[in-house]
């Protein structure tokens, strides 16, 4: 990832550190919306208007072990930015960058 500055910003831990979702390719495609385009807001603030839900998949042992979905946690105004809490693990080692 050293040749792609910021690439790690699109990797999401689905289960606290064992399974990861790499959204780098989706982030580079700006022709359609993807959750990788959502920004951070602390969950205790009004700006945090979406939640991330992890679902363990048990139906297909050959398929992915988890899926992730995002839902609005309140009514969202037109043109309002979509934000969710990235979680504490995201900010480890970059505490000075937290917004």
PDB file of N, CA and C in Angstrom:
ATOM      1  N   UNK A   1       0.800  -1.204   0.000  1.00  0.00           N
ATOM      2  CA  UNK A   1       0.000   0.000   0.000  1.00  0.00           C
ATOM      3  C   UNK A   1       0.843   1.268   0.000  1.00  0.00           C
ATOM      4  N   UNK A   2       2.142   1.152   0.194  1.00  0.00           N
ATOM      5  CA  UNK A   2       2.972   2.344   0.249  1.00  0.00           C
ATOM      6  C   UNK A   2       2.977   3.095  -1.073  1.00  0.00           C
ATOM      7  N   UNK A   3       2.675   2.401  -2.183  1.00  0.00           N
ATOM      8  CA  UNK A   3       2.627   3.078  -3.479  1.00  0.00           C
ATOM      9  C   UNK A   3       1.288   3.759  -3.718  1.00  0.00           C
ATOM     10  N   UNK A   4       0.330   3.556  -2.834  1.00  0.00           N
ATOM     11  CA  UNK A   4      -1.002   4.146  -2.963  1.00  0.00           C
ATOM     12  C   UNK A   4      -1.340   4.911  -1.684  1.00  0.00           C
ATOM     13  N   UNK A   5      -0.892   6.150  -1.554  1.00  0.00           N
ATOM     14  CA  UNK A   5      -1.190   6.907  -0.344  1.00  0.00           C
ATOM     15  C   UNK A   5      -2.692   6.956  -0.080  1.00  0.00           C
ATOM     16  N   UNK A   6      -3.082   6.693   1.154  1.00  0.00           N
ATOM     17  CA  UNK A   6      -4.492   6.733   1.523  1.00  0.00           C
ATOM     18  C   UNK A   6      -5.241   5.440   1.238  1.00  0.00           C
ATOM     19  N   UNK A   7      -4.588   4.454   0.629  1.00  0.00           N
ATOM     20  CA  UNK A   7      -5.288   3.218   0.265  1.00  0.00           C
ATOM     21  C   UNK A   7      -5.891   2.544   1.481  1.00  0.00           C
ATOM     22  N   UNK A   8      -5.188   2.549   2.598  1.00  0.00           N
ATOM     23  CA  UNK A   8      -5.701   1.891   3.794  1.00  0.00           C
ATOM     24  C   UNK A   8      -6.946   2.576   4.338  1.00  0.00           C
ATOM     25  N   UNK A   9      -7.228   3.787   3.910  1.00  0.00           N
ATOM     26  CA  UNK A   9      -8.413   4.480   4.380  1.00  0.00           C
ATOM     27  C   UNK A   9      -9.696   3.804   3.910  1.00  0.00           C
ATOM     28  N   UNK A  10      -9.606   2.908   2.959  1.00  0.00           N
ATOM     29  CA  UNK A  10     -10.794   2.254   2.410  1.00  0.00           C
ATOM     30  C   UNK A  10     -10.924   0.812   2.855  1.00  0.00           C
ATOM     31  N   UNK A  11     -10.117   0.386   3.814  1.00  0.00           N
ATOM     32  CA  UNK A  11     -10.196  -0.969   4.349  1.00  0.00           C
ATOM     33  C   UNK A  11     -11.019  -0.919   5.630  1.00  0.00           C
ATOM     34  N   UNK A  12     -12.058  -1.750   5.700  1.00  0.00           N
ATOM     35  CA  UNK A  12     -12.948  -1.765   6.846  1.00  0.00           C
ATOM     36  C   UNK A  12     -12.893  -3.134   7.515  1.00  0.00           C
ATOM     37  N   UNK A  13     -12.671  -3.132   8.811  1.00  0.00           N
ATOM     38  CA  UNK A  13     -12.743  -4.376   9.579  1.00  0.00           C
ATOM     39  C   UNK A  13     -14.209  -4.698   9.818  1.00  0.00           C
ATOM     40  N   UNK A  14     -14.582  -5.912   9.483  1.00  0.00           N
ATOM     41  CA  UNK A  14     -15.974  -6.306   9.652  1.00  0.00           C
ATOM     42  C   UNK A  14     -16.261  -6.920  11.008  1.00  0.00           C
ATOM     43  N   UNK A  15     -15.223  -7.425  11.663  1.00  0.00           N
ATOM     44  CA  UNK A  15     -15.465  -8.153  12.902  1.00  0.00           C
ATOM     45  C   UNK A  15     -14.440  -7.836  13.986  1.00  0.00           C
ATOM     46  N   UNK A  16     -13.866  -6.667  13.945  1.00  0.00           N
ATOM     47  CA  UNK A  16     -12.905  -6.276  14.959  1.00  0.00           C
ATOM     48  C   UNK A  16     -11.473  -6.652  14.643  1.00  0.00           C
ATOM     49  N   UNK A  17     -11.204  -7.159  13.457  1.00  0.00           N
ATOM     50  CA  UNK A  17      -9.821  -7.398  13.087  1.00  0.00           C
ATOM     51  C   UNK A  17      -9.512  -8.722  12.418  1.00  0.00           C
ATOM     52  N   UNK A  18     -10.477  -9.582  12.203  1.00  0.00           N
ATOM     53  CA  UNK A  18     -10.218 -10.868  11.562  1.00  0.00           C
ATOM     54  C   UNK A  18     -10.598 -10.869  10.075  1.00  0.00           C
ATOM     55  N   UNK A  19     -11.654 -10.166   9.730  1.00  0.00           N
ATOM     56  CA  UNK A  19     -12.156 -10.133   8.353  1.00  0.00           C
ATOM     57  C   UNK A  19     -12.215  -8.686   7.894  1.00  0.00           C
ATOM     58  N   UNK A  20     -11.694  -8.424   6.698  1.00  0.00           N
ATOM     59  CA  UNK A  20     -11.619  -7.056   6.199  1.00  0.00           C
ATOM     60  C   UNK A  20     -12.293  -6.928   4.846  1.00  0.00           C
ATOM     61  N   UNK A  21     -12.824  -5.757   4.592  1.00  0.00           N
ATOM     62  CA  UNK A  21     -13.417  -5.408   3.309  1.00  0.00           C
ATOM     63  C   UNK A  21     -12.555  -4.303   2.711  1.00  0.00           C
ATOM     64  N   UNK A  22     -12.029  -4.531   1.528  1.00  0.00           N
ATOM     65  CA  UNK A  22     -11.174  -3.549   0.866  1.00  0.00           C
ATOM     66  C   UNK A  22     -11.998  -2.811  -0.185  1.00  0.00           C
ATOM     67  N   UNK A  23     -12.252  -1.549   0.061  1.00  0.00           N
ATOM     68  CA  UNK A  23     -13.082  -0.757  -0.831  1.00  0.00           C
ATOM     69  C   UNK A  23     -12.313   0.179  -1.734  1.00  0.00           C
ATOM     70  N   UNK A  24     -10.996  -0.024  -1.880  1.00  0.00           N
ATOM     71  CA  UNK A  24     -10.177   0.912  -2.641  1.00  0.00           C
ATOM     72  C   UNK A  24     -10.668   1.067  -4.079  1.00  0.00           C
ATOM     73  N   UNK A  25     -10.923  -0.036  -4.780  1.00  0.00           N
ATOM     74  CA  UNK A  25     -11.367   0.061  -6.177  1.00  0.00           C
ATOM     75  C   UNK A  25     -12.692   0.799  -6.294  1.00  0.00           C
ATOM     76  N   UNK A  26     -13.611   0.530  -5.370  1.00  0.00           N
ATOM     77  CA  UNK A  26     -14.898   1.237  -5.398  1.00  0.00           C
ATOM     78  C   UNK A  26     -14.724   2.717  -5.100  1.00  0.00           C
ATOM     79  N   UNK A  27     -13.806   3.036  -4.225  1.00  0.00           N
ATOM     80  CA  UNK A  27     -13.582   4.440  -3.872  1.00  0.00           C
ATOM     81  C   UNK A  27     -13.059   5.225  -5.063  1.00  0.00           C
ATOM     82  N   UNK A  28     -12.280   4.592  -5.911  1.00  0.00           N
ATOM     83  CA  UNK A  28     -11.723   5.276  -7.071  1.00  0.00           C
ATOM     84  C   UNK A  28     -12.765   5.476  -8.169  1.00  0.00           C
ATOM     85  N   UNK A  29     -13.831   4.694  -8.153  1.00  0.00           N
ATOM     86  CA  UNK A  29     -14.919   4.824  -9.134  1.00  0.00           C
ATOM     87  C   UNK A  29     -15.952   5.788  -8.568  1.00  0.00           C
ATOM     88  N   UNK A  30     -15.949   6.996  -9.047  1.00  0.00           N
ATOM     89  CA  UNK A  30     -16.869   8.013  -8.525  1.00  0.00           C
ATOM     90  C   UNK A  30     -18.106   8.180  -9.405  1.00  0.00           C
ATOM     91  N   UNK A  31     -18.337   7.222 -10.307  1.00  0.00           N
ATOM     92  CA  UNK A  31     -19.502   7.310 -11.184  1.00  0.00           C
ATOM     93  C   UNK A  31     -20.786   6.895 -10.467  1.00  0.00           C
ATOM     94  N   UNK A  32     -20.667   6.188  -9.342  1.00  0.00           N
ATOM     95  CA  UNK A  32     -21.843   5.813  -8.562  1.00  0.00           C
ATOM     96  C   UNK A  32     -21.487   5.819  -7.083  1.00  0.00           C
ATOM     97  N   UNK A  33     -22.501   5.976  -6.251  1.00  0.00           N
ATOM     98  CA  UNK A  33     -22.280   6.043  -4.814  1.00  0.00           C
ATOM     99  C   UNK A  33     -21.979   4.658  -4.247  1.00  0.00           C
ATOM    100  N   UNK A  34     -21.086   4.625  -3.289  1.00  0.00           N
ATOM    101  CA  UNK A  34     -20.765   3.415  -2.542  1.00  0.00           C
ATOM    102  C   UNK A  34     -20.528   3.829  -1.091  1.00  0.00           C
ATOM    103  N   UNK A  35     -20.784   2.949  -0.129  1.00  0.00           N
ATOM    104  CA  UNK A  35     -20.525   3.321   1.268  1.00  0.00           C
ATOM    105  C   UNK A  35     -19.080   3.751   1.542  1.00  0.00           C
ATOM    106  N   UNK A  36     -18.141   3.398   0.681  1.00  0.00           N
ATOM    107  CA  UNK A  36     -16.764   3.850   0.910  1.00  0.00           C
ATOM    108  C   UNK A  36     -16.653   5.363   0.784  1.00  0.00           C
ATOM    109  N   UNK A  37     -17.654   6.003   0.203  1.00  0.00           N
ATOM    110  CA  UNK A  37     -17.641   7.459   0.071  1.00  0.00           C
ATOM    111  C   UNK A  37     -18.224   8.162   1.296  1.00  0.00           C
ATOM    112  N   UNK A  38     -18.652   7.412   2.295  1.00  0.00           N
ATOM    113  CA  UNK A  38     -19.217   8.005   3.508  1.00  0.00           C
ATOM    114  C   UNK A  38     -18.084   8.452   4.430  1.00  0.00           C
ATOM    115  N   UNK A  39     -18.290   9.559   5.095  1.00  0.00           N
ATOM    116  CA  UNK A  39     -17.285  10.106   5.989  1.00  0.00           C
ATOM    117  C   UNK A  39     -17.582   9.756   7.437  1.00  0.00           C
ATOM    118  N   UNK A  40     -16.644  10.110   8.307  1.00  0.00           N
ATOM    119  CA  UNK A  40     -16.748   9.806   9.734  1.00  0.00           C
ATOM    120  C   UNK A  40     -17.460  10.910  10.492  1.00  0.00           C
ATOM    121  N   UNK A  41     -18.253  10.498  11.470  1.00  0.00           N
ATOM    122  CA  UNK A  41     -18.777  11.388  12.510  1.00  0.00           C
ATOM    123  C   UNK A  41     -18.921  10.539  13.765  1.00  0.00           C
ATOM    124  N   UNK A  42     -18.545  11.090  14.911  1.00  0.00           N
ATOM    125  CA  UNK A  42     -18.702  10.348  16.161  1.00  0.00           C
ATOM    126  C   UNK A  42     -20.161   9.979  16.366  1.00  0.00           C
ATOM    127  N   UNK A  43     -20.400   8.748  16.828  1.00  0.00           N
ATOM    128  CA  UNK A  43     -21.773   8.257  16.954  1.00  0.00           C
ATOM    129  C   UNK A  43     -22.610   9.055  17.935  1.00  0.00           C
ATOM    130  N   UNK A  44     -21.992   9.822  18.795  1.00  0.00           N
ATOM    131  CA  UNK A  44     -22.739  10.624  19.769  1.00  0.00           C
ATOM    132  C   UNK A  44     -23.190  11.969  19.202  1.00  0.00           C
ATOM    133  N   UNK A  45     -22.855  12.254  17.940  1.00  0.00           N
ATOM    134  CA  UNK A  45     -23.207  13.555  17.352  1.00  0.00           C
ATOM    135  C   UNK A  45     -24.346  13.420  16.348  1.00  0.00           C
ATOM    136  N   UNK A  46     -25.023  14.509  16.075  1.00  0.00           N
ATOM    137  CA  UNK A  46     -26.110  14.517  15.089  1.00  0.00           C
ATOM    138  C   UNK A  46     -25.591  14.228  13.688  1.00  0.00           C
ATOM    139  N   UNK A  47     -24.341  14.607  13.405  1.00  0.00           N
ATOM    140  CA  UNK A  47     -23.766  14.382  12.079  1.00  0.00           C
ATOM    141  C   UNK A  47     -23.678  12.899  11.733  1.00  0.00           C
ATOM    142  N   UNK A  48     -23.628  12.036  12.738  1.00  0.00           N
ATOM    143  CA  UNK A  48     -23.594  10.585  12.515  1.00  0.00           C
ATOM    144  C   UNK A  48     -25.021  10.137  12.222  1.00  0.00           C
ATOM    145  N   UNK A  49     -25.360  10.046  10.941  1.00  0.00           N
ATOM    146  CA  UNK A  49     -26.737   9.757  10.550  1.00  0.00           C
ATOM    147  C   UNK A  49     -26.931   8.354   9.970  1.00  0.00           C
ATOM    148  N   UNK A  50     -25.877   7.548   9.978  1.00  0.00           N
ATOM    149  CA  UNK A  50     -25.968   6.179   9.471  1.00  0.00           C
ATOM    150  C   UNK A  50     -25.291   5.221  10.454  1.00  0.00           C
ATOM    151  N   UNK A  51     -25.732   3.983  10.425  1.00  0.00           N
ATOM    152  CA  UNK A  51     -25.111   2.941  11.243  1.00  0.00           C
ATOM    153  C   UNK A  51     -24.690   1.797  10.336  1.00  0.00           C
ATOM    154  N   UNK A  52     -23.644   1.118  10.750  1.00  0.00           N
ATOM    155  CA  UNK A  52     -23.122  -0.045  10.024  1.00  0.00           C
ATOM    156  C   UNK A  52     -23.571  -1.297  10.768  1.00  0.00           C
ATOM    157  N   UNK A  53     -24.141  -2.244  10.052  1.00  0.00           N
ATOM    158  CA  UNK A  53     -24.603  -3.498  10.642  1.00  0.00           C
ATOM    159  C   UNK A  53     -23.843  -4.646   9.989  1.00  0.00           C
ATOM    160  N   UNK A  54     -23.252  -5.477  10.802  1.00  0.00           N
ATOM    161  CA  UNK A  54     -22.534  -6.652  10.336  1.00  0.00           C
ATOM    162  C   UNK A  54     -23.465  -7.854  10.461  1.00  0.00           C
ATOM    163  N   UNK A  55     -23.514  -8.658   9.406  1.00  0.00           N
ATOM    164  CA  UNK A  55     -24.366  -9.845   9.393  1.00  0.00           C
ATOM    165  C   UNK A  55     -23.515 -11.055   9.038  1.00  0.00           C
ATOM    166  N   UNK A  56     -23.524 -12.048   9.913  1.00  0.00           N
ATOM    167  CA  UNK A  56     -22.783 -13.269   9.636  1.00  0.00           C
ATOM    168  C   UNK A  56     -23.599 -14.144   8.690  1.00  0.00           C
ATOM    169  N   UNK A  57     -22.966 -14.573   7.603  1.00  0.00           N
ATOM    170  CA  UNK A  57     -23.627 -15.414   6.616  1.00  0.00           C
ATOM    171  C   UNK A  57     -23.310 -16.877   6.894  1.00  0.00           C
ATOM    172  N   UNK A  58     -24.328 -17.681   7.071  1.00  0.00           N
ATOM    173  CA  UNK A  58     -24.119 -19.092   7.371  1.00  0.00           C
ATOM    174  C   UNK A  58     -24.662 -19.991   6.266  1.00  0.00           C
ATOM    175  N   UNK A  59     -25.372 -19.407   5.306  1.00  0.00           N
ATOM    176  CA  UNK A  59     -26.039 -20.205   4.292  1.00  0.00           C
ATOM    177  C   UNK A  59     -25.076 -20.914   3.344  1.00  0.00           C
ATOM    178  N   UNK A  60     -24.014 -20.226   2.930  1.00  0.00           N
ATOM    179  CA  UNK A  60     -23.098 -20.753   1.921  1.00  0.00           C
ATOM    180  C   UNK A  60     -21.689 -20.865   2.501  1.00  0.00           C
ATOM    181  N   UNK A  61     -21.256 -22.078   2.854  1.00  0.00           N
ATOM    182  CA  UNK A  61     -19.917 -22.219   3.445  1.00  0.00           C
ATOM    183  C   UNK A  61     -18.796 -21.839   2.490  1.00  0.00           C
ATOM    184  N   UNK A  62     -19.059 -21.789   1.191  1.00  0.00           N
ATOM    185  CA  UNK A  62     -18.052 -21.395   0.203  1.00  0.00           C
ATOM    186  C   UNK A  62     -18.024 -19.887  -0.017  1.00  0.00           C
ATOM    187  N   UNK A  63     -19.058 -19.201   0.416  1.00  0.00           N
ATOM    188  CA  UNK A  63     -19.174 -17.764   0.186  1.00  0.00           C
ATOM    189  C   UNK A  63     -18.490 -16.954   1.276  1.00  0.00           C
ATOM    190  N   UNK A  64     -18.635 -15.643   1.204  1.00  0.00           N
ATOM    191  CA  UNK A  64     -18.011 -14.774   2.217  1.00  0.00           C
ATOM    192  C   UNK A  64     -18.655 -15.007   3.582  1.00  0.00           C
ATOM    193  N   UNK A  65     -17.877 -14.871   4.662  1.00  0.00           N
ATOM    194  CA  UNK A  65     -18.411 -15.139   6.001  1.00  0.00           C
ATOM    195  C   UNK A  65     -19.313 -14.031   6.547  1.00  0.00           C
ATOM    196  N   UNK A  66     -19.172 -12.821   6.016  1.00  0.00           N
ATOM    197  CA  UNK A  66     -19.937 -11.688   6.529  1.00  0.00           C
ATOM    198  C   UNK A  66     -20.442 -10.810   5.394  1.00  0.00           C
ATOM    199  N   UNK A  67     -21.503 -10.097   5.676  1.00  0.00           N
ATOM    200  CA  UNK A  67     -21.912  -8.994   4.807  1.00  0.00           C
ATOM    201  C   UNK A  67     -22.071  -7.775   5.711  1.00  0.00           C
ATOM    202  N   UNK A  68     -22.008  -6.625   5.112  1.00  0.00           N
ATOM    203  CA  UNK A  68     -22.156  -5.389   5.871  1.00  0.00           C
ATOM    204  C   UNK A  68     -23.198  -4.533   5.167  1.00  0.00           C
ATOM    205  N   UNK A  69     -24.036  -3.868   5.974  1.00  0.00           N
ATOM    206  CA  UNK A  69     -25.080  -3.007   5.426  1.00  0.00           C
ATOM    207  C   UNK A  69     -25.083  -1.702   6.220  1.00  0.00           C
ATOM    208  N   UNK A  70     -25.522  -0.654   5.575  1.00  0.00           N
ATOM    209  CA  UNK A  70     -25.620   0.660   6.202  1.00  0.00           C
ATOM    210  C   UNK A  70     -27.070   1.102   6.177  1.00  0.00           C
ATOM    211  N   UNK A  71     -27.512   1.683   7.285  1.00  0.00           N
ATOM    212  CA  UNK A  71     -28.883   2.153   7.411  1.00  0.00           C
ATOM    213  C   UNK A  71     -28.885   3.547   8.018  1.00  0.00           C
ATOM    214  N   UNK A  72     -29.883   4.335   7.642  1.00  0.00           N
ATOM    215  CA  UNK A  72     -30.066   5.644   8.269  1.00  0.00           C
ATOM    216  C   UNK A  72     -30.564   5.426   9.685  1.00  0.00           C
ATOM    217  N   UNK A  73     -30.049   6.206  10.630  1.00  0.00           N
ATOM    218  CA  UNK A  73     -30.524   6.096  12.009  1.00  0.00           C
ATOM    219  C   UNK A  73     -31.432   7.262  12.392  1.00  0.00           C
ATOM    220  N   UNK A  74     -31.721   8.101  11.411  1.00  0.00           N
ATOM    221  CA  UNK A  74     -32.658   9.219  11.586  1.00  0.00           C
ATOM    222  C   UNK A  74     -33.027   9.724  10.208  1.00  0.00           C
ATOM    223  N   UNK A  75     -34.019  10.626  10.123  1.00  0.00           N
ATOM    224  CA  UNK A  75     -34.350  11.252   8.849  1.00  0.00           C
ATOM    225  C   UNK A  75     -33.148  12.074   8.384  1.00  0.00           C
ATOM    226  N   UNK A  76     -32.845  11.988   7.101  1.00  0.00           N
ATOM    227  CA  UNK A  76     -31.698  12.694   6.534  1.00  0.00           C
ATOM    228  C   UNK A  76     -32.207  13.738   5.549  1.00  0.00           C
ATOM    229  N   UNK A  77     -31.737  14.958   5.718  1.00  0.00           N
ATOM    230  CA  UNK A  77     -32.151  16.058   4.847  1.00  0.00           C
ATOM    231  C   UNK A  77     -31.542  15.902   3.457  1.00  0.00           C
ATOM    232  N   UNK A  78     -32.216  16.450   2.457  1.00  0.00           N
ATOM    233  CA  UNK A  78     -31.679  16.468   1.094  1.00  0.00           C
ATOM    234  C   UNK A  78     -30.328  17.166   1.104  1.00  0.00           C
ATOM    235  N   UNK A  79     -29.365  16.609   0.387  1.00  0.00           N
ATOM    236  CA  UNK A  79     -28.005  17.138   0.254  1.00  0.00           C
ATOM    237  C   UNK A  79     -27.169  17.035   1.529  1.00  0.00           C
ATOM    238  N   UNK A  80     -27.671  16.358   2.550  1.00  0.00           N
ATOM    239  CA  UNK A  80     -26.894  16.173   3.772  1.00  0.00           C
ATOM    240  C   UNK A  80     -25.862  15.068   3.553  1.00  0.00           C
ATOM    241  N   UNK A  81     -24.668  15.291   4.033  1.00  0.00           N
ATOM    242  CA  UNK A  81     -23.606  14.300   3.914  1.00  0.00           C
ATOM    243  C   UNK A  81     -23.952  13.058   4.741  1.00  0.00           C
ATOM    244  N   UNK A  82     -23.655  11.868   4.198  1.00  0.00           N
ATOM    245  CA  UNK A  82     -23.870  10.621   4.922  1.00  0.00           C
ATOM    246  C   UNK A  82     -22.615  10.281   5.702  1.00  0.00           C
ATOM    247  N   UNK A  83     -22.766  10.051   7.006  1.00  0.00           N
ATOM    248  CA  UNK A  83     -21.626   9.779   7.887  1.00  0.00           C
ATOM    249  C   UNK A  83     -21.959   8.647   8.840  1.00  0.00           C
ATOM    250  N   UNK A  84     -20.927   7.873   9.169  1.00  0.00           N
ATOM    251  CA  UNK A  84     -21.050   6.866  10.214  1.00  0.00           C
ATOM    252  C   UNK A  84     -19.787   6.890  11.052  1.00  0.00           C
ATOM    253  N   UNK A  85     -19.850   6.270  12.216  1.00  0.00           N
ATOM    254  CA  UNK A  85     -18.694   6.233  13.107  1.00  0.00           C
ATOM    255  C   UNK A  85     -17.749   5.141  12.638  1.00  0.00           C
ATOM    256  N   UNK A  86     -16.531   5.504  12.268  1.00  0.00           N
ATOM    257  CA  UNK A  86     -15.543   4.541  11.778  1.00  0.00           C
ATOM    258  C   UNK A  86     -15.106   3.563  12.867  1.00  0.00           C
ATOM    259  N   UNK A  87     -15.299   3.928  14.123  1.00  0.00           N
ATOM    260  CA  UNK A  87     -14.900   3.059  15.226  1.00  0.00           C
ATOM    261  C   UNK A  87     -13.511   3.402  15.731  1.00  0.00           C
ATOM    262  N   UNK A  88     -13.227   2.989  16.949  1.00  0.00           N
ATOM    263  CA  UNK A  88     -11.961   3.323  17.596  1.00  0.00           C
ATOM    264  C   UNK A  88     -10.757   2.711  16.896  1.00  0.00           C
ATOM    265  N   UNK A  89     -10.887   1.497  16.360  1.00  0.00           N
ATOM    266  CA  UNK A  89      -9.746   0.844  15.715  1.00  0.00           C
ATOM    267  C   UNK A  89      -9.233   1.630  14.511  1.00  0.00           C
ATOM    268  N   UNK A  90     -10.119   2.291  13.792  1.00  0.00           N
ATOM    269  CA  UNK A  90      -9.701   3.070  12.623  1.00  0.00           C
ATOM    270  C   UNK A  90      -8.713   4.163  13.011  1.00  0.00           C
ATOM    271  N   UNK A  91      -8.904   4.752  14.191  1.00  0.00           N
ATOM    272  CA  UNK A  91      -8.120   5.923  14.586  1.00  0.00           C
ATOM    273  C   UNK A  91      -6.832   5.576  15.314  1.00  0.00           C
ATOM    274  N   UNK A  92      -6.597   4.298  15.616  1.00  0.00           N
ATOM    275  CA  UNK A  92      -5.353   3.926  16.295  1.00  0.00           C
ATOM    276  C   UNK A  92      -4.163   4.261  15.407  1.00  0.00           C
ATOM    277  N   UNK A  93      -3.247   5.042  15.954  1.00  0.00           N
ATOM    278  CA  UNK A  93      -2.067   5.459  15.212  1.00  0.00           C
ATOM    279  C   UNK A  93      -2.283   6.711  14.383  1.00  0.00           C
ATOM    280  N   UNK A  94      -3.488   7.213  14.340  1.00  0.00           N
ATOM    281  CA  UNK A  94      -3.760   8.462  13.613  1.00  0.00           C
ATOM    282  C   UNK A  94      -4.688   9.378  14.411  1.00  0.00           C
ATOM    283  N   UNK A  95      -4.524   9.329  15.717  1.00  0.00           N
ATOM    284  CA  UNK A  95      -5.358  10.132  16.608  1.00  0.00           C
ATOM    285  C   UNK A  95      -5.301  11.618  16.262  1.00  0.00           C
ATOM    286  N   UNK A  96      -4.158  12.086  15.771  1.00  0.00           N
ATOM    287  CA  UNK A  96      -4.008  13.503  15.433  1.00  0.00           C
ATOM    288  C   UNK A  96      -4.799  13.895  14.188  1.00  0.00           C
ATOM    289  N   UNK A  97      -5.326  12.915  13.457  1.00  0.00           N
ATOM    290  CA  UNK A  97      -6.084  13.182  12.234  1.00  0.00           C
ATOM    291  C   UNK A  97      -7.587  13.146  12.455  1.00  0.00           C
ATOM    292  N   UNK A  98      -8.018  12.700  13.641  1.00  0.00           N
ATOM    293  CA  UNK A  98      -9.447  12.528  13.903  1.00  0.00           C
ATOM    294  C   UNK A  98     -10.176  13.858  13.814  1.00  0.00           C
ATOM    295  N   UNK A  99     -11.276  13.837  13.094  1.00  0.00           N
ATOM    296  CA  UNK A  99     -12.086  15.039  12.908  1.00  0.00           C
ATOM    297  C   UNK A  99     -13.356  14.957  13.695  1.00  0.00           C
TER     298      UNK A  99
END
